[in-house]
Amino acid sequence: MTAGQKVTFEYHGNNYIFTISQAQLEGQAAANAPERGMISSDTYFIFDAQNSSGIKVVNQREAASSNIFRHKEFNLQSLGIGGLSAEFADIFRRAFASRVFPPHVTNKLGIKHVKGMLLYGPPGTGKTLMARQIGKMLNGKEPKIVNGPEVLSKFVGETEKNVRDLFADAENDQRTRGDESDLHVIIFDEIDAICKSRGSTRDGTGVHDSIVNQLLTKIDGVESLNNVLLIGMTNRKDLLDEALLRPGRLEVQVEISLPDENGRFQILQIHTNKMKENSFLAPDVNLQELAARTKNYSGAELEGVVKSAVSFALNRQVSMDDLTKPVDEENIKVTMDDFLNALLEIVPAFGASTDDLERCRLNGMVDCGDRHKHIYQRAMLLVEQVKVSKGSPLVTCLLEGSSGSGKTALAATVGIDSDFPYVKIVSAESMIGLHESTKCAQIVKVFEDAYKSPLSIIILDDIERLLEYVAIGPRFSNIISQTLLVLLKRLPPKGKKLLVFGTTSEITFLDSVGICDAFSVTYHLPTLKTADAKK
C-alpha cells in the first residue's frame, strides 16, 4: 500500500472508504516513514475518523497513546522554567497522565480527566510562566489567557456572559467530536479577583457570587465538559471559595514556593545562558556561589539580579561626557563584582530586614560582662536547636528586663548572626495610627510570610506597646493579645522552622494576660553592674 491510496471495505453490512495517510515501521521515527509498504499478518491499522463523518472509532488497542503533547520529550530549562521539576512532575502525574492514553482506556478505567488545577504561592515564583508553558506544550487549541479582573463588567449579566464565552468553543467542539475533541486550555491569572468566597463581599450586587456559580456550572455542572483544562493562579488561596477547590473542579492544587539552592542555580543558568553563549559572561562568575548567597530570592527577583548586574557592566562602557561615542561590544563583560553589587540593590521580599535590625543596634554590641554574654550564648543555642532539631519546628523565647537593658539589640544581633534567610522585626513604631484589626492583619502577614521560608526568625519588639498597654485603667487590646497567643502556639507547616523572640519591660502585665505562658523559655536581662559599665 502507498500513502494517499484510497481503500474501500465492508464492515457489519456498511461500506466504508479510508485513505492511507502514513505508513510506518515499528520503532521508526515518523519523520523517516516510507511512502509505501507490504501488508502482512503483523500489520495493524490505526483509524482516525473525519470530524464530519459521524463515525466514532473505539477500542483501538494498538493506539497506545494520544497526541496531547506537541513534542515527544521536553526540557524544562529550554522552556525557561527552573527549579520546579518536582512540582511539574506532580502536575503531569495528576493532570496529564490520564490524557496520554486514548479515550477508550480511560472509559474502561471508569475515570474522568482532571478539569482544573490551581497554582498558588508567593509572588514572582513562576506560576504564570509555568501555566503559559503548559499551554504551549499541549497539542490542543491555543490556550485562552484571562486576567481575573478583565472578566468583570459594569453591565448586569455581562460578567456571567464573559465566563460562558470562555467555554463556548469547548462546548461546540465536544458537541461535534465527542471524546475525540481537542483539549481546550483556559488560564485564569489572579483568579482570586473573581472567585472570592461567596457571601464575603458586601457590594450589594452579588456579581462575585454569580461568577463563582457560573464557573462551577461550566466545570462540573449537569452538562460539564470533559475537554477543558482550567488553570488558575493566585497569591491568596485563602480568598477562594471552598467549593471551587473540591475534586471535580480545581482539584490539583500545587504550591509554587520559593526555589531552593539547586532551583536558584537553574534559574540563574537560564537567565545567563545567552550572555554565556555570546561570551559576555566573565569567567570569574560563579553561579553556584550566587545561588548559595541568594536565599529566599524568588525567580523574578533572581531575574532582577541578572538585569542589575548587566546594567553595571553596560554602564562601564558608557561615557557620560560623550553619549554618542561608539561602544565596543567585545569589552562588555559581566563580572562577579557586578553580581555582588546587584545583590545589594535587589533585596528579596521574604529576606532578612537587615536595615531594620542594624537600626536596633546603631553602635553595635559591646561586651557587657559575663551575664549578657551568657544570655547571648543561650539564645544562639536556640538558633542551633531550630536548625538541627527535627522535633522542634517552633521555638519561642521571651527577653524581659528594665527599659534600656539591651533586649532589642540582643535579639537583633541574634537575628543577624543566625544567618537565617528570613528575619523580621515587628514593632509598634511601624503601626502608628493603625486600627486594632489592621495591626492584627499585619502581624498575621509576617507570620504567614515566615511560613514560606525554611528557616525564619520573628522579633516581637516591646510586646506591651503592640498591645497598647496603659497602666492607668489598665487598658490593652484584647484582639491583638488573642492574635499573639494563637500565633505563638501555632506550629509552622511541614518542613518549615520558626524561632520567635519577644521583648518586654512589663513582665508582670504579660504574665497576667497569659502571654508569658505562650513562650517556651524566658530570659532576664539585668542592668549593668558598675564594673561592667566602667569597661
Protein backbone atom coordinates (compact mmCIF):
# COMPACT_ATOMS: atom_id res chain seq x y z
CA MET A 1 0.00 0.00 0.00
CA THR A 2 1.04 3.59 -0.67
CA ALA A 3 0.47 6.77 1.31
CA GLY A 4 -2.55 8.56 -0.17
CA GLN A 5 -4.14 5.36 -1.52
CA LYS A 6 -7.93 5.01 -1.02
CA VAL A 7 -9.33 1.64 0.06
CA THR A 8 -12.97 0.50 0.31
CA PHE A 9 -14.19 -2.21 2.68
CA GLU A 10 -17.38 -3.60 4.17
CA TYR A 11 -17.99 -3.87 7.92
CA HIS A 12 -21.22 -5.14 9.51
CA GLY A 13 -23.16 -4.53 6.31
CA ASN A 14 -21.91 -0.95 5.85
CA ASN A 15 -19.49 0.24 3.19
CA TYR A 16 -16.56 2.41 4.22
CA ILE A 17 -13.64 4.11 2.50
CA PHE A 18 -10.38 5.07 4.12
CA THR A 19 -7.28 6.87 2.91
CA ILE A 20 -3.82 5.75 3.98
CA SER A 21 -2.21 8.84 5.48
CA GLN A 22 1.08 7.31 6.57
CA ALA A 23 2.96 4.00 6.62
CA GLN A 24 5.42 3.50 9.44
CA LEU A 25 7.73 0.71 10.54
CA GLU A 26 7.60 -0.21 14.23
CA GLY A 27 10.32 1.58 16.17
CA GLN A 28 10.99 4.01 13.32
CA ALA A 29 10.63 7.77 13.68
CA ALA A 30 7.65 9.33 11.90
CA ALA A 31 9.98 11.69 10.01
CA ASN A 32 11.65 8.70 8.29
CA ALA A 33 8.41 6.88 7.40
CA PRO A 34 8.40 5.15 3.95
CA GLU A 35 5.82 6.11 1.32
CA ARG A 36 4.75 2.51 0.62
CA GLY A 37 4.90 -0.90 2.26
CA MET A 38 3.65 -4.51 2.17
CA ILE A 39 0.72 -5.68 4.31
CA SER A 40 1.34 -8.81 6.37
CA SER A 41 -0.40 -10.66 9.20
CA ASP A 42 1.54 -8.48 11.66
CA THR A 43 0.35 -5.21 10.13
CA TYR A 44 -2.13 -3.21 12.18
CA PHE A 45 -4.14 -0.14 11.31
CA ILE A 46 -4.89 2.91 13.41
CA PHE A 47 -8.12 4.54 12.27
CA ASP A 48 -8.87 8.23 12.61
CA ALA A 49 -12.39 9.30 11.57
CA GLN A 50 -13.07 12.68 9.96
CA ASN A 51 -14.96 15.18 12.08
CA SER A 52 -17.89 15.36 9.63
CA SER A 53 -18.23 11.58 9.12
CA GLY A 54 -20.21 10.86 12.29
CA ILE A 55 -18.08 7.74 12.82
CA LYS A 56 -16.75 7.00 16.29
CA VAL A 57 -13.73 4.68 16.48
CA VAL A 58 -13.47 2.69 19.72
CA ASN A 59 -11.24 0.01 21.29
CA GLN A 60 -8.10 0.62 19.25
CA ARG A 61 -5.64 -1.22 21.48
CA GLU A 62 -2.74 -0.54 19.16
CA ALA A 63 -3.19 3.21 19.56
CA ALA A 64 -1.04 3.28 22.66
CA SER A 65 -1.16 6.99 23.23
CA SER A 66 -2.84 10.18 22.16
CA ASN A 67 -1.12 13.21 20.68
CA ILE A 68 -1.70 15.50 23.64
CA PHE A 69 1.85 16.92 23.61
CA ARG A 70 3.49 18.62 20.66
CA HIS A 71 6.87 17.01 21.33
CA LYS A 72 7.80 13.51 22.46
CA GLU A 73 10.02 14.94 25.17
CA PHE A 74 10.66 18.36 26.63
CA ASN A 75 13.28 20.04 28.75
CA LEU A 76 12.01 22.40 31.44
CA GLN A 77 15.11 24.59 31.24
CA SER A 78 14.68 25.01 27.48
CA LEU A 79 11.18 26.31 28.27
CA GLY A 80 12.63 28.84 30.71
CA ILE A 81 11.37 27.01 33.82
CA GLY A 82 13.94 26.45 36.56
CA GLY A 83 13.72 24.87 39.99
CA LEU A 84 10.23 23.42 39.53
CA SER A 85 10.97 19.85 38.42
CA ALA A 86 9.20 18.22 41.38
CA GLU A 87 6.13 20.46 41.02
CA PHE A 88 5.93 19.80 37.28
CA ALA A 89 6.21 16.03 37.82
CA ASP A 90 3.31 16.23 40.27
CA ILE A 91 1.23 18.25 37.79
CA PHE A 92 1.95 15.78 34.97
CA ARG A 93 1.02 12.75 37.08
CA ARG A 94 -2.26 14.16 38.33
CA ALA A 95 -3.46 16.26 35.39
CA PHE A 96 -1.98 14.81 32.20
CA ALA A 97 -1.14 11.12 32.74
CA SER A 98 -4.74 10.06 32.03
CA ARG A 99 -4.87 12.23 28.88
CA VAL A 100 -1.84 10.50 27.35
CA PHE A 101 -3.92 7.35 26.83
CA PRO A 102 -6.71 7.09 24.23
CA PRO A 103 -10.32 7.71 25.38
CA HIS A 104 -11.35 4.04 25.42
CA VAL A 105 -8.71 3.26 28.06
CA THR A 106 -9.99 5.91 30.47
CA ASN A 107 -13.57 4.79 29.76
CA LYS A 108 -12.68 1.23 30.76
CA LEU A 109 -10.97 2.52 33.90
CA GLY A 110 -14.13 4.44 34.73
CA ILE A 111 -12.35 7.72 35.46
CA LYS A 112 -12.72 11.30 34.30
CA HIS A 113 -9.91 13.61 33.33
CA VAL A 114 -8.80 16.34 35.70
CA LYS A 115 -10.54 19.52 34.62
CA GLY A 116 -8.76 22.11 36.73
CA MET A 117 -5.61 22.90 38.65
CA LEU A 118 -4.59 25.72 40.95
CA LEU A 119 -1.06 27.11 41.14
CA TYR A 120 -0.56 29.17 44.28
CA GLY A 121 2.39 30.65 46.12
CA PRO A 122 4.33 33.86 46.76
CA PRO A 123 4.61 36.49 44.00
CA GLY A 124 7.37 36.03 41.43
CA THR A 125 7.85 32.28 41.85
CA GLY A 126 6.88 31.32 38.29
CA LYS A 127 3.17 30.46 38.46
CA THR A 128 2.19 32.42 35.35
CA LEU A 129 5.28 31.25 33.46
CA MET A 130 4.53 27.59 34.19
CA ALA A 131 0.88 27.94 33.18
CA ARG A 132 1.81 29.62 29.88
CA GLN A 133 4.43 26.98 29.06
CA ILE A 134 2.00 24.16 29.87
CA GLY A 135 -0.42 25.71 27.39
CA LYS A 136 2.30 25.90 24.72
CA MET A 137 3.33 22.25 25.22
CA LEU A 138 -0.16 20.89 24.70
CA ASN A 139 -1.34 19.91 21.25
CA GLY A 140 -4.90 21.19 21.63
CA LYS A 141 -6.35 24.57 20.84
CA GLU A 142 -4.45 27.77 21.52
CA PRO A 143 -4.84 28.47 25.26
CA LYS A 144 -7.06 31.33 26.34
CA ILE A 145 -5.29 33.56 28.87
CA VAL A 146 -7.58 35.68 31.01
CA ASN A 147 -6.65 38.11 33.77
CA GLY A 148 -9.23 37.84 36.54
CA PRO A 149 -10.37 41.50 36.60
CA GLU A 150 -10.87 41.51 32.80
CA VAL A 151 -13.94 39.30 33.19
CA LEU A 152 -15.78 41.89 35.28
CA SER A 153 -18.22 44.23 33.54
CA LYS A 154 -20.36 47.16 34.67
CA PHE A 155 -23.41 45.79 32.81
CA VAL A 156 -25.81 43.41 34.54
CA GLY A 157 -25.29 39.83 33.37
CA GLU A 158 -22.35 40.74 31.13
CA THR A 159 -19.78 39.29 33.55
CA GLU A 160 -21.52 35.90 33.59
CA LYS A 161 -21.72 36.01 29.77
CA ASN A 162 -17.97 36.62 29.59
CA VAL A 163 -17.42 33.45 31.63
CA ARG A 164 -19.77 31.45 29.35
CA ASP A 165 -17.98 32.75 26.24
CA LEU A 166 -14.70 31.32 27.51
CA PHE A 167 -16.19 27.82 27.33
CA ALA A 168 -18.17 28.27 24.08
CA ASP A 169 -15.50 26.83 21.76
CA ALA A 170 -15.02 23.79 24.00
CA GLU A 171 -18.78 23.17 24.09
CA ASN A 172 -19.08 23.28 20.28
CA ASP A 173 -16.05 21.02 19.88
CA GLN A 174 -17.38 18.41 22.30
CA ARG A 175 -20.83 18.56 20.72
CA THR A 176 -19.44 17.72 17.26
CA ARG A 177 -16.46 15.45 18.06
CA GLY A 178 -17.27 13.93 21.44
CA ASP A 179 -14.35 12.20 23.14
CA GLU A 180 -12.11 12.94 20.14
CA SER A 181 -12.34 16.71 20.62
CA ASP A 182 -9.19 18.73 21.23
CA LEU A 183 -8.15 19.89 24.68
CA HIS A 184 -9.12 23.49 25.43
CA VAL A 185 -6.90 25.22 28.00
CA ILE A 186 -8.20 28.28 29.86
CA ILE A 187 -5.66 30.11 32.05
CA PHE A 188 -7.03 32.36 34.80
CA ASP A 189 -4.40 34.73 36.20
CA GLU A 190 -5.28 36.33 39.56
CA ILE A 191 -8.32 34.09 39.90
CA ASP A 192 -8.85 35.34 43.45
CA ALA A 193 -10.11 38.64 41.96
CA ILE A 194 -13.29 37.00 40.66
CA CYS A 195 -13.72 33.80 42.68
CA LYS A 196 -13.87 35.12 46.22
CA SER A 197 -15.70 33.10 48.84
CA ARG A 198 -19.43 33.55 48.30
CA GLY A 199 -21.03 35.88 50.81
CA SER A 200 -17.73 37.59 51.65
CA THR A 201 -18.30 40.69 49.51
CA ARG A 202 -20.71 43.43 50.57
CA ASP A 203 -21.09 45.35 47.31
CA GLY A 204 -24.84 44.71 47.10
CA THR A 205 -24.73 43.37 43.52
CA GLY A 206 -23.81 39.76 44.23
CA VAL A 207 -21.82 39.67 40.98
CA HIS A 208 -18.87 37.82 42.53
CA ASP A 209 -21.20 35.10 43.80
CA SER A 210 -22.72 34.79 40.31
CA ILE A 211 -19.27 34.40 38.74
CA VAL A 212 -18.41 31.52 41.08
CA ASN A 213 -21.78 29.85 40.40
CA GLN A 214 -21.35 30.22 36.63
CA LEU A 215 -17.80 28.85 36.73
CA LEU A 216 -18.81 25.86 38.86
CA THR A 217 -21.66 25.08 36.46
CA LYS A 218 -19.36 25.08 33.44
CA ILE A 219 -16.63 22.98 35.05
CA ASP A 220 -18.70 20.46 36.98
CA GLY A 221 -22.37 21.05 36.20
CA VAL A 222 -25.02 18.77 34.69
CA GLU A 223 -23.61 19.28 31.19
CA SER A 224 -19.99 19.51 32.28
CA LEU A 225 -17.20 19.44 29.71
CA ASN A 226 -14.52 16.77 29.52
CA ASN A 227 -12.28 18.56 27.03
CA VAL A 228 -11.41 21.55 29.23
CA LEU A 229 -8.42 22.19 31.47
CA LEU A 230 -8.77 25.26 33.68
CA ILE A 231 -5.54 26.57 35.22
CA GLY A 232 -5.96 29.15 37.97
CA MET A 233 -3.19 31.16 39.62
CA THR A 234 -3.25 33.16 42.82
CA ASN A 235 -1.15 34.53 45.65
CA ARG A 236 -4.12 34.30 48.03
CA LYS A 237 -5.53 30.79 48.08
CA ASP A 238 -7.33 31.62 51.33
CA LEU A 239 -9.64 34.05 49.48
CA LEU A 240 -11.03 31.45 47.06
CA ASP A 241 -14.43 29.85 47.50
CA GLU A 242 -14.09 26.39 49.06
CA ALA A 243 -16.46 24.79 46.55
CA LEU A 244 -14.01 25.69 43.79
CA LEU A 245 -11.26 23.60 45.40
CA ARG A 246 -13.02 20.27 45.80
CA PRO A 247 -12.44 17.26 43.44
CA GLY A 248 -14.02 17.75 40.04
CA ARG A 249 -13.17 21.46 39.98
CA LEU A 250 -9.68 22.85 40.72
CA GLU A 251 -8.71 19.57 42.37
CA VAL A 252 -4.98 19.63 41.61
CA GLN A 253 -3.50 22.28 43.89
CA VAL A 254 0.25 22.76 43.61
CA GLU A 255 2.20 25.21 45.73
CA ILE A 256 4.88 27.02 43.75
CA SER A 257 7.13 28.02 46.62
CA LEU A 258 10.45 29.85 46.80
CA PRO A 259 13.20 27.91 44.99
CA ASP A 260 15.88 26.04 46.91
CA GLU A 261 19.60 26.42 46.17
CA ASN A 262 19.54 23.98 43.26
CA GLY A 263 16.46 25.69 41.84
CA ARG A 264 18.11 29.11 42.12
CA PHE A 265 21.16 27.74 40.30
CA GLN A 266 18.93 26.52 37.44
CA ILE A 267 17.15 29.88 37.25
CA LEU A 268 20.46 31.76 37.12
CA GLN A 269 21.65 29.40 34.38
CA ILE A 270 18.54 30.16 32.33
CA HIS A 271 18.91 33.94 32.65
CA THR A 272 22.67 33.94 31.93
CA ASN A 273 22.61 31.35 29.15
CA LYS A 274 22.58 33.82 26.24
CA MET A 275 25.29 36.07 27.64
CA LYS A 276 27.43 32.98 28.23
CA GLU A 277 26.91 31.78 24.64
CA ASN A 278 27.90 35.23 23.32
CA SER A 279 30.97 35.49 25.61
CA PHE A 280 29.57 38.38 27.68
CA LEU A 281 29.84 36.45 30.96
CA ALA A 282 33.23 36.81 32.65
CA PRO A 283 34.98 33.57 33.65
CA ASP A 284 35.09 34.62 37.33
CA VAL A 285 31.28 34.41 37.67
CA ASN A 286 30.37 31.52 39.96
CA LEU A 287 26.66 30.80 39.63
CA GLN A 288 26.79 28.12 42.34
CA GLU A 289 28.10 30.68 44.83
CA LEU A 290 25.44 33.18 43.77
CA ALA A 291 22.76 30.53 44.27
CA ALA A 292 24.04 29.96 47.81
CA ARG A 293 24.05 33.71 48.54
CA THR A 294 20.53 34.39 47.25
CA LYS A 295 18.49 32.70 49.98
CA ASN A 296 14.72 33.29 49.73
CA TYR A 297 15.03 35.03 46.34
CA SER A 298 12.13 34.30 44.00
CA GLY A 299 12.57 33.62 40.30
CA ALA A 300 11.53 37.17 39.41
CA GLU A 301 13.99 38.62 41.93
CA LEU A 302 16.81 36.48 40.50
CA GLU A 303 15.97 37.81 37.05
CA GLY A 304 16.18 41.30 38.55
CA VAL A 305 19.63 40.48 39.96
CA VAL A 306 20.84 39.46 36.49
CA LYS A 307 19.41 42.65 34.93
CA SER A 308 21.04 44.79 37.61
CA ALA A 309 24.41 43.07 37.09
CA VAL A 310 24.19 43.67 33.34
CA SER A 311 23.41 47.35 33.97
CA PHE A 312 26.68 47.70 35.90
CA ALA A 313 28.60 46.10 33.01
CA LEU A 314 26.94 48.30 30.39
CA ASN A 315 27.45 51.44 32.46
CA ARG A 316 31.24 50.90 32.36
CA GLN A 317 31.15 51.18 28.57
CA VAL A 318 29.13 54.40 28.51
CA SER A 319 30.84 57.78 28.69
CA MET A 320 28.65 60.42 30.32
CA ASP A 321 30.80 63.09 28.63
CA ASP A 322 30.07 61.74 25.15
CA LEU A 323 26.95 59.55 24.88
CA THR A 324 27.37 59.29 21.08
CA LYS A 325 30.71 57.54 21.44
CA PRO A 326 30.56 54.10 19.73
CA VAL A 327 30.53 51.11 22.08
CA ASP A 328 32.88 48.18 21.63
CA GLU A 329 30.81 45.03 22.21
CA GLU A 330 33.87 42.89 22.88
CA ASN A 331 34.66 44.89 26.01
CA ILE A 332 31.27 44.16 27.62
CA LYS A 333 31.87 41.64 30.41
CA VAL A 334 29.51 40.89 33.29
CA THR A 335 31.77 40.08 36.24
CA MET A 336 31.25 38.55 39.67
CA ASP A 337 31.60 42.01 41.23
CA ASP A 338 28.65 43.16 39.12
CA PHE A 339 26.52 40.37 40.56
CA LEU A 340 27.64 41.14 44.12
CA ASN A 341 26.72 44.80 43.64
CA ALA A 342 23.37 43.69 42.20
CA LEU A 343 22.67 41.69 45.37
CA LEU A 344 22.94 44.92 47.35
CA GLU A 345 20.33 46.55 45.09
CA ILE A 346 17.82 43.72 44.76
CA VAL A 347 16.54 42.71 48.19
CA PRO A 348 14.21 39.69 48.48
CA ALA A 349 10.68 40.34 49.71
CA PHE A 350 10.98 37.33 52.02
CA GLY A 351 14.54 38.06 53.15
CA ALA A 352 16.10 39.36 56.33
CA SER A 353 15.27 43.01 57.05
CA THR A 354 18.94 43.84 57.70
CA ASP A 355 18.46 47.62 57.76
CA ASP A 356 15.76 47.40 60.43
CA LEU A 357 17.91 45.05 62.50
CA GLU A 358 21.01 47.26 62.23
CA ARG A 359 18.92 50.24 63.32
CA CYS A 360 18.22 48.40 66.57
CA ARG A 361 21.94 48.33 67.40
CA LEU A 362 23.37 51.50 65.90
CA ASN A 363 26.57 51.34 67.95
CA GLY A 364 26.99 47.60 67.62
CA MET A 365 27.17 45.17 70.52
CA VAL A 366 29.58 45.95 73.35
CA ASP A 367 30.92 43.34 75.76
CA CYS A 368 28.71 43.97 78.80
CA GLY A 369 30.04 41.23 81.04
CA ASP A 370 29.52 37.54 81.57
CA ARG A 371 25.79 37.75 82.31
CA HIS A 372 24.86 39.30 78.97
CA LYS A 373 27.32 37.05 77.14
CA HIS A 374 25.71 34.00 78.75
CA ILE A 375 22.22 35.05 77.60
CA TYR A 376 23.53 35.66 74.06
CA GLN A 377 25.06 32.17 74.02
CA ARG A 378 21.81 30.64 75.26
CA ALA A 379 19.90 32.47 72.52
CA MET A 380 22.33 31.18 69.87
CA LEU A 381 21.78 27.66 71.22
CA LEU A 382 18.09 28.14 70.46
CA VAL A 383 19.08 29.09 66.91
CA GLU A 384 21.06 25.85 66.57
CA GLN A 385 18.18 23.90 68.06
CA VAL A 386 15.81 25.21 65.41
CA LYS A 387 18.34 24.48 62.65
CA VAL A 388 19.22 20.87 63.50
CA SER A 389 16.36 19.51 65.61
CA LYS A 390 13.64 17.60 63.77
CA GLY A 391 11.27 17.73 66.72
CA SER A 392 11.35 21.49 67.35
CA PRO A 393 9.78 23.31 64.39
CA LEU A 394 8.69 26.15 66.69
CA VAL A 395 10.78 27.70 69.49
CA THR A 396 9.73 30.86 71.35
CA CYS A 397 11.87 32.95 73.71
CA LEU A 398 10.91 36.00 75.80
CA LEU A 399 13.62 38.53 76.75
CA GLU A 400 12.49 40.62 79.71
CA GLY A 401 14.18 43.34 81.70
CA SER A 402 14.05 47.01 82.53
CA SER A 403 13.92 49.60 79.78
CA GLY A 404 17.34 50.22 78.18
CA SER A 405 18.89 46.90 79.23
CA GLY A 406 19.59 45.92 75.60
CA LYS A 407 16.82 43.41 74.90
CA THR A 408 16.05 44.60 71.36
CA ALA A 409 19.75 44.98 70.47
CA LEU A 410 20.42 41.43 71.69
CA ALA A 411 17.51 39.99 69.70
CA ALA A 412 18.60 41.89 66.57
CA THR A 413 22.18 40.64 66.98
CA VAL A 414 20.99 37.05 67.26
CA GLY A 415 18.87 37.56 64.15
CA ILE A 416 21.84 38.89 62.16
CA ASP A 417 24.29 36.25 63.44
CA SER A 418 21.83 33.39 62.84
CA ASP A 419 22.23 33.63 59.04
CA PHE A 420 18.55 32.72 58.68
CA PRO A 421 17.12 33.68 55.27
CA TYR A 422 14.03 35.34 56.80
CA VAL A 423 14.37 37.66 59.81
CA LYS A 424 11.62 40.18 60.50
CA ILE A 425 11.09 42.60 63.37
CA VAL A 426 7.56 43.59 64.39
CA SER A 427 7.45 46.84 66.33
CA ALA A 428 4.80 49.34 67.36
CA GLU A 429 6.58 52.19 65.52
CA SER A 430 5.61 50.67 62.16
CA MET A 431 1.94 50.54 63.18
CA ILE A 432 1.34 54.05 64.50
CA GLY A 433 -2.24 55.17 63.94
CA LEU A 434 -3.47 51.80 62.69
CA HIS A 435 -6.70 50.21 63.88
CA GLU A 436 -6.54 47.06 66.02
CA SER A 437 -7.79 44.80 63.22
CA THR A 438 -5.23 46.26 60.80
CA LYS A 439 -2.44 45.64 63.30
CA CYS A 440 -3.60 42.04 63.69
CA ALA A 441 -3.61 41.60 59.90
CA GLN A 442 -0.04 42.93 59.65
CA ILE A 443 1.21 40.63 62.42
CA VAL A 444 -0.52 37.63 60.81
CA LYS A 445 1.05 38.50 57.43
CA VAL A 446 4.55 38.49 58.97
CA PHE A 447 3.93 35.00 60.34
CA GLU A 448 2.40 33.80 57.06
CA ASP A 449 5.45 35.08 55.17
CA ALA A 450 7.71 33.29 57.66
CA TYR A 451 5.94 30.00 56.90
CA LYS A 452 7.09 30.29 53.28
CA SER A 453 10.77 30.23 54.29
CA PRO A 454 12.57 27.08 55.53
CA LEU A 455 14.18 28.94 58.46
CA SER A 456 12.72 32.11 59.96
CA ILE A 457 13.10 34.43 62.93
CA ILE A 458 10.44 36.89 64.07
CA ILE A 459 11.21 39.53 66.72
CA LEU A 460 8.18 40.94 68.56
CA ASP A 461 9.67 44.13 69.96
CA ASP A 462 8.07 45.79 73.01
CA ILE A 463 5.06 43.49 73.18
CA GLU A 464 3.32 45.78 75.67
CA ARG A 465 3.44 48.59 73.07
CA LEU A 466 1.97 46.24 70.44
CA LEU A 467 -0.84 45.51 72.89
CA GLU A 468 -1.38 49.27 73.51
CA TYR A 469 -0.93 48.70 77.23
CA VAL A 470 -1.58 51.62 79.57
CA ALA A 471 -1.03 51.15 83.31
CA ILE A 472 -3.79 53.61 84.21
CA GLY A 473 -7.02 51.74 83.89
CA PRO A 474 -5.43 49.36 82.97
CA ARG A 475 -6.12 49.26 79.25
CA PHE A 476 -4.83 46.92 76.48
CA SER A 477 -6.01 45.43 73.17
CA ASN A 478 -7.55 42.02 73.77
CA ILE A 479 -7.83 41.40 70.00
CA ILE A 480 -4.07 41.73 69.48
CA SER A 481 -3.42 39.75 72.65
CA GLN A 482 -5.52 36.81 71.43
CA THR A 483 -3.88 37.02 67.99
CA LEU A 484 -0.40 36.73 69.52
CA LEU A 485 -1.48 33.85 71.77
CA VAL A 486 -2.71 31.89 68.75
CA LEU A 487 0.32 32.65 66.55
CA LEU A 488 2.86 31.86 69.28
CA LYS A 489 1.42 28.36 69.67
CA ARG A 490 0.66 27.57 66.01
CA LEU A 491 3.17 25.15 64.50
CA PRO A 492 4.59 26.09 61.09
CA PRO A 493 3.89 23.88 58.04
CA LYS A 494 5.85 20.69 57.46
CA GLY A 495 9.46 21.38 56.51
CA LYS A 496 9.41 24.95 57.89
CA LYS A 497 11.01 26.09 61.16
CA LEU A 498 10.37 29.25 63.14
CA LEU A 499 12.10 30.97 66.07
CA VAL A 500 10.21 33.81 67.78
CA PHE A 501 11.84 36.33 70.13
CA GLY A 502 9.77 38.70 72.23
CA THR A 503 10.97 41.66 74.29
CA THR A 504 9.17 43.36 77.15
CA SER A 505 9.69 45.71 80.08
CA GLU A 506 6.31 44.79 81.63
CA ILE A 507 6.71 41.13 82.53
CA THR A 508 4.05 41.34 85.25
CA PHE A 509 1.42 42.58 82.80
CA LEU A 510 2.27 39.92 80.18
CA ASP A 511 2.07 37.26 82.86
CA SER A 512 -1.39 38.48 83.93
CA VAL A 513 -2.80 38.18 80.38
CA GLY A 514 -1.22 34.76 79.80
CA ILE A 515 1.29 35.73 77.12
CA CYS A 516 4.30 34.62 79.19
CA ASP A 517 2.92 31.08 79.17
CA ALA A 518 2.96 31.10 75.36
CA PHE A 519 6.78 31.41 75.32
CA SER A 520 8.75 28.21 75.82
CA VAL A 521 11.64 29.97 77.60
CA THR A 522 12.13 33.34 79.36
CA TYR A 523 15.48 35.09 79.94
CA HIS A 524 16.00 38.07 82.25
CA LEU A 525 18.41 40.75 81.02
CA PRO A 526 19.84 42.53 84.07
CA THR A 527 21.02 46.11 84.18
CA LEU A 528 24.76 46.72 84.04
CA LYS A 529 26.88 46.36 87.13
CA THR A 530 29.25 49.19 87.99
CA ALA A 531 32.27 47.12 86.97
CA ASP A 532 30.74 46.21 83.60
CA ALA A 533 29.72 49.83 82.95
CA LYS A 534 33.30 51.04 83.54
CA LYS A 535 34.54 48.67 80.83
